C-alpha atoms as a PDB file:
ATOM      1  CA  UNK A   1      22.308  20.277 -23.946  1.00  0.00           C
ATOM      2  CA  UNK A   2      22.594  23.922 -23.006  1.00  0.00           C
ATOM      3  CA  UNK A   3      21.406  24.336 -19.403  1.00  0.00           C
ATOM      4  CA  UNK A   4      20.639  28.043 -19.395  1.00  0.00           C
ATOM      5  CA  UNK A   5      16.944  28.701 -19.797  1.00  0.00           C
ATOM      6  CA  UNK A   6      15.933  25.071 -19.343  1.00  0.00           C
ATOM      7  CA  UNK A   7      13.373  23.682 -16.862  1.00  0.00           C
ATOM      8  CA  UNK A   8      14.824  20.808 -14.839  1.00  0.00           C
ATOM      9  CA  UNK A   9      13.201  18.476 -12.310  1.00  0.00           C
ATOM     10  CA  UNK A  10      15.622  17.163  -9.671  1.00  0.00           C
ATOM     11  CA  UNK A  11      14.409  14.422  -7.317  1.00  0.00           C
ATOM     12  CA  UNK A  12      16.034  14.000  -3.929  1.00  0.00           C
ATOM     13  CA  UNK A  13      16.773  17.725  -4.013  1.00  0.00           C
ATOM     14  CA  UNK A  14      16.670  18.367  -0.265  1.00  0.00           C
ATOM     15  CA  UNK A  15      20.195  17.100   0.506  1.00  0.00           C
ATOM     16  CA  UNK A  16      23.361  15.461  -0.796  1.00  0.00           C
ATOM     17  CA  UNK A  17      23.925  15.124  -4.529  1.00  0.00           C
ATOM     18  CA  UNK A  18      20.418  16.378  -5.339  1.00  0.00           C
ATOM     19  CA  UNK A  19      20.852  19.630  -3.423  1.00  0.00           C
ATOM     20  CA  UNK A  20      24.308  20.250  -4.871  1.00  0.00           C
ATOM     21  CA  UNK A  21      22.956  19.551  -8.337  1.00  0.00           C
ATOM     22  CA  UNK A  22      19.993  21.893  -7.908  1.00  0.00           C
ATOM     23  CA  UNK A  23      22.361  24.682  -6.891  1.00  0.00           C
ATOM     24  CA  UNK A  24      24.697  23.973  -9.806  1.00  0.00           C
ATOM     25  CA  UNK A  25      21.854  24.003 -12.322  1.00  0.00           C
ATOM     26  CA  UNK A  26      20.482  27.249 -10.885  1.00  0.00           C
ATOM     27  CA  UNK A  27      23.937  28.820 -11.105  1.00  0.00           C
ATOM     28  CA  UNK A  28      24.007  27.798 -14.766  1.00  0.00           C
ATOM     29  CA  UNK A  29      20.766  29.617 -15.465  1.00  0.00           C
ATOM     30  CA  UNK A  30      18.280  26.751 -15.301  1.00  0.00           C
ATOM     31  CA  UNK A  31      14.890  26.824 -13.636  1.00  0.00           C
ATOM     32  CA  UNK A  32      14.878  24.028 -11.065  1.00  0.00           C
ATOM     33  CA  UNK A  33      11.928  22.071  -9.695  1.00  0.00           C
ATOM     34  CA  UNK A  34      12.915  20.729  -6.287  1.00  0.00           C
ATOM     35  CA  UNK A  35      11.320  17.375  -5.493  1.00  0.00           C
ATOM     36  CA  UNK A  36      11.656  15.572  -2.154  1.00  0.00           C
ATOM     37  CA  UNK A  37       9.593  14.656   0.923  1.00  0.00           C
ATOM     38  CA  UNK A  38      10.844  17.365   3.303  1.00  0.00           C
ATOM     39  CA  UNK A  39       8.538  20.367   3.032  1.00  0.00           C
ATOM     40  CA  UNK A  40      10.572  22.654   5.304  1.00  0.00           C
ATOM     41  CA  UNK A  41      13.900  21.883   3.644  1.00  0.00           C
ATOM     42  CA  UNK A  42      12.506  22.420   0.162  1.00  0.00           C
ATOM     43  CA  UNK A  43      10.886  25.715   1.088  1.00  0.00           C
ATOM     44  CA  UNK A  44      14.174  26.946   2.537  1.00  0.00           C
ATOM     45  CA  UNK A  45      16.073  25.936  -0.608  1.00  0.00           C
ATOM     46  CA  UNK A  46      13.472  27.573  -2.829  1.00  0.00           C
ATOM     47  CA  UNK A  47      14.057  30.881  -1.045  1.00  0.00           C
ATOM     48  CA  UNK A  48      17.796  30.581  -1.730  1.00  0.00           C
ATOM     49  CA  UNK A  49      17.615  29.614  -5.405  1.00  0.00           C
ATOM     50  CA  UNK A  50      16.313  31.948  -8.113  1.00  0.00           C
ATOM     51  CA  UNK A  51      13.718  30.534 -10.514  1.00  0.00           C
ATOM     52  CA  UNK A  52      13.135  27.436  -8.380  1.00  0.00           C
ATOM     53  CA  UNK A  53       9.899  25.727  -7.371  1.00  0.00           C
ATOM     54  CA  UNK A  54       9.538  23.382  -4.394  1.00  0.00           C
ATOM     55  CA  UNK A  55       7.180  20.443  -4.933  1.00  0.00           C
ATOM     56  CA  UNK A  56       7.099  18.165  -1.866  1.00  0.00           C
ATOM     57  CA  UNK A  57       6.331  14.593  -2.982  1.00  0.00           C
ATOM     58  CA  UNK A  58       6.569  11.007  -1.820  1.00  0.00           C
ATOM     59  CA  UNK A  59       8.136   9.202  -4.757  1.00  0.00           C
ATOM     60  CA  UNK A  60       6.776   5.873  -3.596  1.00  0.00           C
ATOM     61  CA  UNK A  61       3.292   7.255  -4.305  1.00  0.00           C
ATOM     62  CA  UNK A  62       1.974   6.951  -7.874  1.00  0.00           C
ATOM     63  CA  UNK A  63      -0.305   9.976  -7.476  1.00  0.00           C
ATOM     64  CA  UNK A  64       2.490  12.184  -6.091  1.00  0.00           C
ATOM     65  CA  UNK A  65       4.712  11.380  -9.060  1.00  0.00           C
ATOM     66  CA  UNK A  66       2.007  12.332 -11.513  1.00  0.00           C
ATOM     67  CA  UNK A  67       1.326  15.536  -9.554  1.00  0.00           C
ATOM     68  CA  UNK A  68       5.032  16.491  -9.723  1.00  0.00           C
ATOM     69  CA  UNK A  69       5.046  16.311 -13.503  1.00  0.00           C
ATOM     70  CA  UNK A  70       1.648  17.980 -13.928  1.00  0.00           C
ATOM     71  CA  UNK A  71       2.588  20.787 -11.525  1.00  0.00           C
ATOM     72  CA  UNK A  72       5.846  21.448 -13.380  1.00  0.00           C
ATOM     73  CA  UNK A  73       4.158  21.471 -16.787  1.00  0.00           C
ATOM     74  CA  UNK A  74       1.332  23.700 -15.538  1.00  0.00           C
ATOM     75  CA  UNK A  75       3.693  26.184 -13.836  1.00  0.00           C
ATOM     76  CA  UNK A  76       6.471  26.445 -16.436  1.00  0.00           C
ATOM     77  CA  UNK A  77       4.837  25.150 -19.624  1.00  0.00           C
ATOM     78  CA  UNK A  78       7.577  22.635 -20.409  1.00  0.00           C
ATOM     79  CA  UNK A  79      10.002  20.072 -18.973  1.00  0.00           C
ATOM     80  CA  UNK A  80      13.446  20.012 -20.566  1.00  0.00           C
ATOM     81  CA  UNK A  81      15.449  17.908 -18.105  1.00  0.00           C
ATOM     82  CA  UNK A  82      14.483  15.165 -15.656  1.00  0.00           C
ATOM     83  CA  UNK A  83      17.121  14.022 -13.191  1.00  0.00           C
ATOM     84  CA  UNK A  84      16.138  10.896 -11.270  1.00  0.00           C
ATOM     85  CA  UNK A  85      18.489  11.239  -8.323  1.00  0.00           C
ATOM     86  CA  UNK A  86      16.410  10.134  -5.318  1.00  0.00           C
ATOM     87  CA  UNK A  87      17.241   6.692  -3.981  1.00  0.00           C
ATOM     88  CA  UNK A  88      17.878   4.621  -0.889  1.00  0.00           C
ATOM     89  CA  UNK A  89      20.537   2.075  -0.031  1.00  0.00           C
ATOM     90  CA  UNK A  90      20.323  -1.296   1.637  1.00  0.00           C
ATOM     91  CA  UNK A  91      23.053  -3.310   3.284  1.00  0.00           C
ATOM     92  CA  UNK A  92      22.611  -7.002   4.094  1.00  0.00           C
ATOM     93  CA  UNK A  93      23.907 -10.340   2.902  1.00  0.00           C
ATOM     94  CA  UNK A  94      21.853 -12.115   0.251  1.00  0.00           C
ATOM     95  CA  UNK A  95      20.800 -14.641   2.888  1.00  0.00           C
ATOM     96  CA  UNK A  96      19.560 -11.852   5.183  1.00  0.00           C
ATOM     97  CA  UNK A  97      17.792  -9.537   2.705  1.00  0.00           C
ATOM     98  CA  UNK A  98      14.439  -8.504   4.131  1.00  0.00           C
ATOM     99  CA  UNK A  99      11.957  -8.815   1.271  1.00  0.00           C
ATOM    100  CA  UNK A 100       9.726  -6.043   2.634  1.00  0.00           C
ATOM    101  CA  UNK A 101      12.682  -3.637   2.681  1.00  0.00           C
ATOM    102  CA  UNK A 102      13.816  -4.871  -0.733  1.00  0.00           C
ATOM    103  CA  UNK A 103      10.413  -4.084  -2.231  1.00  0.00           C
ATOM    104  CA  UNK A 104      10.586  -0.617  -0.653  1.00  0.00           C
ATOM    105  CA  UNK A 105      13.895   0.287  -2.303  1.00  0.00           C
ATOM    106  CA  UNK A 106      12.704  -1.201  -5.590  1.00  0.00           C
ATOM    107  CA  UNK A 107       9.758   1.212  -5.427  1.00  0.00           C
ATOM    108  CA  UNK A 108      12.034   4.214  -4.915  1.00  0.00           C
ATOM    109  CA  UNK A 109      15.083   3.209  -6.962  1.00  0.00           C
ATOM    110  CA  UNK A 110      13.393   1.607  -9.976  1.00  0.00           C
ATOM    111  CA  UNK A 111       9.619   2.063 -10.166  1.00  0.00           C
ATOM    112  CA  UNK A 112       9.646   5.799  -9.345  1.00  0.00           C
ATOM    113  CA  UNK A 113      12.263   6.694 -11.987  1.00  0.00           C
ATOM    114  CA  UNK A 114      10.443   4.525 -14.518  1.00  0.00           C
ATOM    115  CA  UNK A 115       7.092   6.207 -13.850  1.00  0.00           C
ATOM    116  CA  UNK A 116       8.686   9.645 -14.030  1.00  0.00           C
ATOM    117  CA  UNK A 117      10.243   8.725 -17.369  1.00  0.00           C
ATOM    118  CA  UNK A 118       6.874   7.538 -18.647  1.00  0.00           C
ATOM    119  CA  UNK A 119       5.213  10.758 -17.476  1.00  0.00           C
ATOM    120  CA  UNK A 120       7.722  13.152 -19.091  1.00  0.00           C
ATOM    121  CA  UNK A 121       8.428  11.308 -22.365  1.00  0.00           C
ATOM    122  CA  UNK A 122       5.179  12.407 -24.086  1.00  0.00           C
ATOM    123  CA  UNK A 123       5.764  15.991 -22.932  1.00  0.00           C
ATOM    124  CA  UNK A 124       9.343  16.016 -24.219  1.00  0.00           C
ATOM    125  CA  UNK A 125       8.315  14.402 -27.498  1.00  0.00           C
ATOM    126  CA  UNK A 126       5.600  17.019 -28.064  1.00  0.00           C
ATOM    127  CA  UNK A 127       7.980  19.913 -27.401  1.00  0.00           C
ATOM    128  CA  UNK A 128      10.657  18.515 -29.710  1.00  0.00           C
ATOM    129  CA  UNK A 129      13.094  16.895 -27.278  1.00  0.00           C
ATOM    130  CA  UNK A 130      14.575  16.824 -23.818  1.00  0.00           C
ATOM    131  CA  UNK A 131      16.924  14.915 -21.566  1.00  0.00           C
ATOM    132  CA  UNK A 132      16.470  12.304 -18.856  1.00  0.00           C
ATOM    133  CA  UNK A 133      19.436  11.527 -16.614  1.00  0.00           C
ATOM    134  CA  UNK A 134      19.207   8.655 -14.145  1.00  0.00           C
ATOM    135  CA  UNK A 135      21.674   8.556 -11.257  1.00  0.00           C
ATOM    136  CA  UNK A 136      22.863   4.982 -10.760  1.00  0.00           C
ATOM    137  CA  UNK A 137      25.952   3.836  -8.817  1.00  0.00           C
ATOM    138  CA  UNK A 138      29.313   2.239  -9.460  1.00  0.00           C
ATOM    139  CA  UNK A 139      28.183  -0.642  -7.249  1.00  0.00           C
ATOM    140  CA  UNK A 140      26.140  -1.717 -10.275  1.00  0.00           C
ATOM    141  CA  UNK A 141      29.426  -2.358 -12.069  1.00  0.00           C
ATOM    142  CA  UNK A 142      30.965  -4.432  -9.253  1.00  0.00           C
ATOM    143  CA  UNK A 143      30.121  -7.153  -6.746  1.00  0.00           C
ATOM    144  CA  UNK A 144      30.460  -5.870  -3.194  1.00  0.00           C
ATOM    145  CA  UNK A 145      29.441  -8.155  -0.316  1.00  0.00           C
ATOM    146  CA  UNK A 146      26.238  -7.057   1.480  1.00  0.00           C
ATOM    147  CA  UNK A 147      25.242  -4.635  -1.283  1.00  0.00           C
ATOM    148  CA  UNK A 148      23.471  -7.061  -3.608  1.00  0.00           C
ATOM    149  CA  UNK A 149      19.958  -5.724  -2.969  1.00  0.00           C
ATOM    150  CA  UNK A 150      20.898  -2.092  -3.578  1.00  0.00           C
ATOM    151  CA  UNK A 151      23.159  -2.912  -6.525  1.00  0.00           C
ATOM    152  CA  UNK A 152      20.446  -4.967  -8.198  1.00  0.00           C
ATOM    153  CA  UNK A 153      18.085  -1.980  -8.195  1.00  0.00           C
ATOM    154  CA  UNK A 154      20.750   0.017  -9.984  1.00  0.00           C
ATOM    155  CA  UNK A 155      21.384  -2.816 -12.463  1.00  0.00           C
ATOM    156  CA  UNK A 156      17.695  -2.531 -13.337  1.00  0.00           C
ATOM    157  CA  UNK A 157      17.913   1.259 -13.650  1.00  0.00           C
ATOM    158  CA  UNK A 158      20.930   0.915 -15.958  1.00  0.00           C
ATOM    159  CA  UNK A 159      19.015  -1.439 -18.252  1.00  0.00           C
ATOM    160  CA  UNK A 160      15.992   0.856 -18.398  1.00  0.00           C
ATOM    161  CA  UNK A 161      18.193   3.892 -19.083  1.00  0.00           C
ATOM    162  CA  UNK A 162      20.371   2.438 -21.819  1.00  0.00           C
ATOM    163  CA  UNK A 163      17.448   0.761 -23.564  1.00  0.00           C
ATOM    164  CA  UNK A 164      15.432   3.989 -23.472  1.00  0.00           C
ATOM    165  CA  UNK A 165      18.475   5.790 -24.886  1.00  0.00           C
ATOM    166  CA  UNK A 166      18.143   3.695 -28.032  1.00  0.00           C
ATOM    167  CA  UNK A 167      14.344   3.793 -28.157  1.00  0.00           C
ATOM    168  CA  UNK A 168      13.993   7.567 -27.845  1.00  0.00           C
ATOM    169  CA  UNK A 169      16.911   8.961 -29.824  1.00  0.00           C
ATOM    170  CA  UNK A 170      14.759   9.523 -32.935  1.00  0.00           C
ATOM    171  CA  UNK A 171      12.473  11.695 -30.776  1.00  0.00           C
ATOM    172  CA  UNK A 172      15.466  13.838 -29.788  1.00  0.00           C
ATOM    173  CA  UNK A 173      15.085  12.692 -26.189  1.00  0.00           C
ATOM    174  CA  UNK A 174      18.473  11.876 -24.677  1.00  0.00           C
ATOM    175  CA  UNK A 175      18.471   9.289 -21.889  1.00  0.00           C
ATOM    176  CA  UNK A 176      21.690   8.991 -19.897  1.00  0.00           C
ATOM    177  CA  UNK A 177      22.944   7.244 -16.779  1.00  0.00           C
ATOM    178  CA  UNK A 178      25.554   8.490 -14.325  1.00  0.00           C
ATOM    179  CA  UNK A 179      27.567   6.256 -11.966  1.00  0.00           C
ATOM    180  CA  UNK A 180      28.763   8.024  -8.798  1.00  0.00           C
ATOM    181  CA  UNK A 181      31.276   6.350  -6.510  1.00  0.00           C
ATOM    182  CA  UNK A 182      31.432   6.739  -2.738  1.00  0.00           C
ATOM    183  CA  UNK A 183      30.141  10.223  -1.922  1.00  0.00           C
ATOM    184  CA  UNK A 184      30.284  12.165   1.353  1.00  0.00           C
ATOM    185  CA  UNK A 185      26.559  12.223   2.160  1.00  0.00           C
ATOM    186  CA  UNK A 186      24.156  10.739   4.719  1.00  0.00           C
ATOM    187  CA  UNK A 187      23.202   8.037   2.213  1.00  0.00           C
ATOM    188  CA  UNK A 188      24.725   5.169   4.199  1.00  0.00           C
ATOM    189  CA  UNK A 189      23.140   6.257   7.464  1.00  0.00           C
ATOM    190  CA  UNK A 190      19.734   6.397   5.766  1.00  0.00           C
ATOM    191  CA  UNK A 191      20.090   2.930   4.269  1.00  0.00           C
ATOM    192  CA  UNK A 192      17.833   0.034   5.203  1.00  0.00           C
ATOM    193  CA  UNK A 193      19.465  -2.866   7.024  1.00  0.00           C
ATOM    194  CA  UNK A 194      22.945  -2.124   8.365  1.00  0.00           C
ATOM    195  CA  UNK A 195      23.916   1.542   8.597  1.00  0.00           C
ATOM    196  CA  UNK A 196      27.296   2.640   7.290  1.00  0.00           C
ATOM    197  CA  UNK A 197      29.235   5.811   6.716  1.00  0.00           C
ATOM    198  CA  UNK A 198      29.231   7.069   3.146  1.00  0.00           C
ATOM    199  CA  UNK A 199      31.867   9.613   4.074  1.00  0.00           C
ATOM    200  CA  UNK A 200      34.469   7.239   5.487  1.00  0.00           C
ATOM    201  CA  UNK A 201      35.099   5.076   2.426  1.00  0.00           C
ATOM    202  CA  UNK A 202      37.278   2.014   2.246  1.00  0.00           C
ATOM    203  CA  UNK A 203      41.028   2.048   2.647  1.00  0.00           C
ATOM    204  CA  UNK A 204      42.551   3.666  -0.416  1.00  0.00           C
ATOM    205  CA  UNK A 205      39.155   4.714  -1.826  1.00  0.00           C
ATOM    206  CA  UNK A 206      38.546   8.341  -2.732  1.00  0.00           C
ATOM    207  CA  UNK A 207      35.349   9.852  -1.336  1.00  0.00           C
ATOM    208  CA  UNK A 208      33.839  12.506  -3.592  1.00  0.00           C
ATOM    209  CA  UNK A 209      31.931  15.552  -2.417  1.00  0.00           C
ATOM    210  CA  UNK A 210      28.335  16.105  -3.591  1.00  0.00           C
ATOM    211  CA  UNK A 211      29.537  19.264  -5.324  1.00  0.00           C
ATOM    212  CA  UNK A 212      32.120  17.326  -7.361  1.00  0.00           C
ATOM    213  CA  UNK A 213      29.492  14.780  -8.381  1.00  0.00           C
ATOM    214  CA  UNK A 214      27.062  17.552  -9.338  1.00  0.00           C
ATOM    215  CA  UNK A 215      29.709  19.200 -11.518  1.00  0.00           C
ATOM    216  CA  UNK A 216      30.281  15.920 -13.397  1.00  0.00           C
ATOM    217  CA  UNK A 217      26.546  15.409 -13.889  1.00  0.00           C
ATOM    218  CA  UNK A 218      26.178  18.895 -15.350  1.00  0.00           C
ATOM    219  CA  UNK A 219      29.063  18.131 -17.717  1.00  0.00           C
ATOM    220  CA  UNK A 220      27.231  14.984 -18.821  1.00  0.00           C
ATOM    221  CA  UNK A 221      24.034  16.929 -19.426  1.00  0.00           C
ATOM    222  CA  UNK A 222      25.962  19.374 -21.587  1.00  0.00           C
ATOM    223  CA  UNK A 223      27.750  16.618 -23.519  1.00  0.00           C
ATOM    224  CA  UNK A 224      24.660  14.365 -23.724  1.00  0.00           C
ATOM    225  CA  UNK A 225      26.861  11.308 -23.205  1.00  0.00           C
ATOM    226  CA  UNK A 226      24.827   8.124 -22.616  1.00  0.00           C
ATOM    227  CA  UNK A 227      27.071   7.038 -19.718  1.00  0.00           C
ATOM    228  CA  UNK A 228      29.537   8.794 -17.400  1.00  0.00           C
ATOM    229  CA  UNK A 229      31.174   8.342 -14.009  1.00  0.00           C
ATOM    230  CA  UNK A 230      33.518  10.088 -11.610  1.00  0.00           C
END
């Protein structure tokens, strides 16, 4: 998909991969809707990016999600790209997983992207097509100790994404999933359960920058590949 001239919603746009991606899309000529909880951060980013719109939302709130889509459609008249990037980690052994915390990351990592997909699909179908890209993780392709809860949310997101890819292709709606590896963000320090550094990495493991990840995601949008990774 050509990015220039398109309207793209990016969740988790206030920092990390989401912020880098919003900047990359804006540089490519897209109009970017910045979605996250931080009002001040989003307003600052909006001032820096041409053709952007800040929409502060809590993605664990059903009403906020619907408002995000309605606001975008009302303001710009269309939605060409949805990037479900927002998410939260969790680190604990299977024996120690706190079910309250697990439900919380399921809400953000699975239910929110699913609702956003359901909200934009009719809009994209009516306008003749669009693209949905869900940001997963390479942990969903492996079995790392103490990451079962987080990885399982991404397993679920993978299944939703790849199934929707098949279901919606006749409507010219492309659904893709991207698998980042370890990225130098505050993701690990914002995780539930044990905190960890996302920037340190394991011995011998390359840690990618948010800008590198954003560049790969934009390449996937342009190629419309169903799956891609770093």
